[in-house]
Protein backbone atom coordinates (compact mmCIF):
# COMPACT_ATOMS: atom_id res chain seq x y z
CA UNK A 1 -44.94 -3.97 17.10
CA UNK A 2 -44.50 -2.53 13.62
CA UNK A 3 -48.08 -1.34 13.56
CA UNK A 4 -47.57 0.44 16.87
CA UNK A 5 -44.48 2.16 15.45
CA UNK A 6 -46.45 3.43 12.44
CA UNK A 7 -49.22 4.64 14.75
CA UNK A 8 -46.74 6.47 16.94
CA UNK A 9 -45.13 8.08 13.91
CA UNK A 10 -48.52 9.28 12.70
CA UNK A 11 -49.28 10.79 16.11
CA UNK A 12 -45.98 12.68 16.17
CA UNK A 13 -46.60 14.24 12.76
CA UNK A 14 -50.17 15.26 13.49
CA UNK A 15 -50.06 16.22 17.18
CA UNK A 16 -47.87 17.25 20.09
CA UNK A 17 -48.50 16.03 23.61
CA UNK A 18 -49.28 18.69 26.20
CA UNK A 19 -48.06 17.03 29.37
CA UNK A 20 -49.65 19.47 31.79
CA UNK A 21 -53.19 18.77 30.52
CA UNK A 22 -52.59 15.36 28.93
CA UNK A 23 -54.22 16.57 25.72
CA UNK A 24 -53.16 16.77 22.09
CA UNK A 25 -52.55 20.05 20.35
CA UNK A 26 -53.23 19.19 16.73
CA UNK A 27 -51.00 21.00 14.24
CA UNK A 28 -49.84 20.10 10.76
CA UNK A 29 -46.07 20.76 10.50
CA UNK A 30 -46.18 20.61 6.70
CA UNK A 31 -48.72 23.45 6.66
CA UNK A 32 -46.62 25.44 9.11
CA UNK A 33 -43.55 25.07 6.92
CA UNK A 34 -45.57 25.93 3.81
CA UNK A 35 -46.90 29.08 5.46
CA UNK A 36 -43.38 30.25 6.29
CA UNK A 37 -42.23 29.43 2.77
CA UNK A 38 -45.12 31.29 1.13
CA UNK A 39 -44.39 34.38 3.19
CA UNK A 40 -40.69 34.10 2.39
CA UNK A 41 -41.49 33.94 -1.33
CA UNK A 42 -43.33 37.24 -1.05
CA UNK A 43 -40.01 38.92 -0.27
CA UNK A 44 -38.53 37.64 -3.51
CA UNK A 45 -41.56 38.44 -5.64
CA UNK A 46 -42.62 41.86 -4.38
CA UNK A 47 -39.70 43.49 -2.56
CA UNK A 48 -38.02 46.30 -4.45
CA UNK A 49 -37.43 48.66 -1.53
CA UNK A 50 -36.08 48.17 1.97
CA UNK A 51 -39.48 49.00 3.46
CA UNK A 52 -41.14 46.30 1.35
CA UNK A 53 -38.50 43.76 2.37
CA UNK A 54 -39.07 44.58 6.03
CA UNK A 55 -42.85 44.51 5.65
CA UNK A 56 -42.84 41.11 3.95
CA UNK A 57 -40.29 39.71 6.37
CA UNK A 58 -42.54 40.69 9.27
CA UNK A 59 -45.15 38.39 7.72
CA UNK A 60 -42.59 35.58 7.72
CA UNK A 61 -41.89 36.21 11.40
CA UNK A 62 -45.60 36.23 12.19
CA UNK A 63 -46.14 32.80 10.65
CA UNK A 64 -42.99 31.41 12.28
CA UNK A 65 -43.95 32.69 15.73
CA UNK A 66 -47.40 31.14 15.37
CA UNK A 67 -45.72 27.76 14.89
CA UNK A 68 -42.93 28.19 17.43
CA UNK A 69 -45.05 26.87 20.28
CA UNK A 70 -45.60 23.70 18.27
CA UNK A 71 -41.88 23.18 17.69
CA UNK A 72 -41.05 23.94 21.33
CA UNK A 73 -43.55 21.36 22.56
CA UNK A 74 -42.33 18.80 20.06
CA UNK A 75 -38.81 19.17 21.46
CA UNK A 76 -40.13 18.08 24.86
CA UNK A 77 -41.60 14.81 23.59
CA UNK A 78 -39.41 11.86 24.54
CA UNK A 79 -39.55 8.11 25.13
CA UNK A 80 -40.36 7.47 21.48
CA UNK A 81 -39.49 4.35 19.56
CA UNK A 82 -36.57 4.73 17.17
CA UNK A 83 -38.52 5.32 13.96
CA UNK A 84 -40.97 7.72 15.56
CA UNK A 85 -38.05 9.71 16.92
CA UNK A 86 -36.61 9.90 13.41
CA UNK A 87 -39.85 11.55 12.27
CA UNK A 88 -39.80 13.89 15.26
CA UNK A 89 -36.22 14.93 14.50
CA UNK A 90 -37.07 15.52 10.83
CA UNK A 91 -39.88 17.90 11.76
CA UNK A 92 -37.61 19.69 14.24
CA UNK A 93 -34.88 20.07 11.61
CA UNK A 94 -37.34 21.86 9.34
CA UNK A 95 -38.26 24.04 12.30
CA UNK A 96 -34.58 24.83 12.82
CA UNK A 97 -34.21 25.75 9.15
CA UNK A 98 -37.05 28.25 9.56
CA UNK A 99 -35.52 29.56 12.78
CA UNK A 100 -32.10 30.08 11.20
CA UNK A 101 -33.73 31.99 8.37
CA UNK A 102 -35.93 34.17 10.57
CA UNK A 103 -33.27 35.00 13.14
CA UNK A 104 -30.40 35.66 10.76
CA UNK A 105 -32.24 37.36 7.93
CA UNK A 106 -33.80 39.66 10.51
CA UNK A 107 -30.28 40.70 11.51
CA UNK A 108 -29.24 41.12 7.89
CA UNK A 109 -32.05 43.63 7.44
CA UNK A 110 -30.21 45.80 9.97
CA UNK A 111 -26.83 45.24 8.35
CA UNK A 112 -25.57 48.30 6.41
CA UNK A 113 -23.26 46.09 4.37
CA UNK A 114 -26.16 44.66 2.33
CA UNK A 115 -28.22 46.67 -0.16
CA UNK A 116 -31.83 45.95 -1.14
CA UNK A 117 -30.91 43.89 -4.20
CA UNK A 118 -28.53 41.76 -2.16
CA UNK A 119 -31.10 41.23 0.58
CA UNK A 120 -33.63 40.11 -2.02
CA UNK A 121 -31.06 37.71 -3.49
CA UNK A 122 -30.27 36.34 -0.03
CA UNK A 123 -34.00 35.89 0.61
CA UNK A 124 -34.26 34.01 -2.68
CA UNK A 125 -31.53 31.61 -1.55
CA UNK A 126 -33.29 30.98 1.74
CA UNK A 127 -36.62 30.45 -0.06
CA UNK A 128 -35.03 27.84 -2.32
CA UNK A 129 -33.63 25.91 0.64
CA UNK A 130 -36.87 26.29 2.59
CA UNK A 131 -38.81 24.97 -0.38
CA UNK A 132 -36.73 21.80 -0.63
CA UNK A 133 -37.06 21.14 3.10
CA UNK A 134 -40.81 21.76 3.00
CA UNK A 135 -41.34 19.41 0.07
CA UNK A 136 -39.49 16.66 1.94
CA UNK A 137 -41.67 17.26 4.98
CA UNK A 138 -44.78 16.90 2.79
CA UNK A 139 -43.39 13.63 1.46
CA UNK A 140 -42.83 12.42 5.00
CA UNK A 141 -46.39 13.32 5.95
CA UNK A 142 -47.76 11.34 3.01
CA UNK A 143 -45.71 8.29 3.92
CA UNK A 144 -46.66 8.11 7.59
CA UNK A 145 -50.34 8.98 7.18
CA UNK A 146 -51.15 7.18 3.93
CA UNK A 147 -53.54 4.26 4.03
CA UNK A 148 -52.08 3.02 0.76
CA UNK A 149 -50.99 -0.56 1.30
CA UNK A 150 -48.53 -0.59 -1.59
CA UNK A 151 -45.67 0.07 0.86
CA UNK A 152 -44.79 -2.42 3.56
CA UNK A 153 -43.44 -1.35 6.96
CA UNK A 154 -39.80 -1.70 5.95
CA UNK A 155 -40.32 0.39 2.83
CA UNK A 156 -42.02 3.10 4.86
CA UNK A 157 -39.17 3.13 7.35
CA UNK A 158 -36.64 3.31 4.53
CA UNK A 159 -38.40 6.39 3.16
CA UNK A 160 -38.48 7.97 6.62
CA UNK A 161 -34.77 7.35 6.98
CA UNK A 162 -34.01 8.85 3.54
CA UNK A 163 -36.14 11.93 4.13
CA UNK A 164 -34.47 12.49 7.50
CA UNK A 165 -31.01 12.35 5.93
CA UNK A 166 -31.98 14.70 3.08
CA UNK A 167 -33.57 17.22 5.44
CA UNK A 168 -30.46 17.08 7.60
CA UNK A 169 -28.37 17.89 4.52
CA UNK A 170 -30.55 20.93 3.78
CA UNK A 171 -30.30 21.95 7.43
CA UNK A 172 -26.51 21.94 7.10
CA UNK A 173 -26.75 23.85 3.80
CA UNK A 174 -28.84 26.58 5.42
CA UNK A 175 -26.28 26.92 8.21
CA UNK A 176 -23.45 27.11 5.66
CA UNK A 177 -25.38 29.60 3.49
CA UNK A 178 -26.08 31.77 6.52
CA UNK A 179 -22.45 31.80 7.62
CA UNK A 180 -21.22 32.57 4.10
CA UNK A 181 -23.51 35.59 3.87
CA UNK A 182 -22.43 36.83 7.29
CA UNK A 183 -18.81 36.41 6.26
CA UNK A 184 -19.40 38.71 3.26
CA UNK A 185 -20.62 41.42 5.60
CA UNK A 186 -17.71 40.83 7.95
CA UNK A 187 -15.13 41.19 5.18
CA UNK A 188 -16.77 44.39 3.98
CA UNK A 189 -16.76 45.73 7.52
CA UNK A 190 -13.13 44.74 7.90
CA UNK A 191 -12.17 46.91 4.91
CA UNK A 192 -13.94 49.80 6.63
CA UNK A 193 -12.30 49.06 10.00
CA UNK A 194 -15.77 48.57 11.45
CA UNK A 195 -15.90 44.90 12.37
CA UNK A 196 -17.12 45.44 15.92
CA UNK A 197 -20.58 46.50 14.73
CA UNK A 198 -20.93 43.27 12.75
CA UNK A 199 -19.70 41.19 15.66
CA UNK A 200 -22.24 42.91 17.89
CA UNK A 201 -24.98 42.18 15.36
CA UNK A 202 -24.26 38.52 14.61
CA UNK A 203 -21.99 37.44 17.44
CA UNK A 204 -18.75 35.59 16.81
CA UNK A 205 -18.03 35.09 13.11
CA UNK A 206 -16.73 31.64 12.17
CA UNK A 207 -13.39 32.24 10.48
CA UNK A 208 -13.58 29.17 8.25
CA UNK A 209 -16.12 30.99 6.06
CA UNK A 210 -13.85 33.89 5.09
């Protein structure tokens, strides 16, 4: 039973079931996350004008959209054993972190309340959080695919559980970080009596962040 759990976990990390054709679409989620992170780092390293920020962010979006089909299919996978589902949820959390970044930073690029330096600083914060999540995903990949027999099944499952909890914490941090940045824009807009534009851009602003 334990061996079948490990096998299922390995399958979830390395492939997503395509139910319509009963085939496997092989994708490495750690590489997907790394690709998004590398593109995000370009914003921090080379963006000194708005046009450069937008140009580099478009590269982030391109990498994310290439992996979106993978994450969407992974969401549809069900009937997994408990530990395999924990791995699935960990991968999806990293996907959500990327999605929060892409969707919200894209809106911030159209927000007049942030200047270029602030946008670069915000991008740096996202890159830091993305990096931590990506490193945890790499650790998870090593644990579930390693042929090293130094870890028994319980130890592997303990690592999976820890990584899941840590990624979930980073997921919550990214949500908090996003809302805090939006709240800065909202407060600036409020001083200018122009809050409606910000509400139209981001939607309802959570009042607990300002």
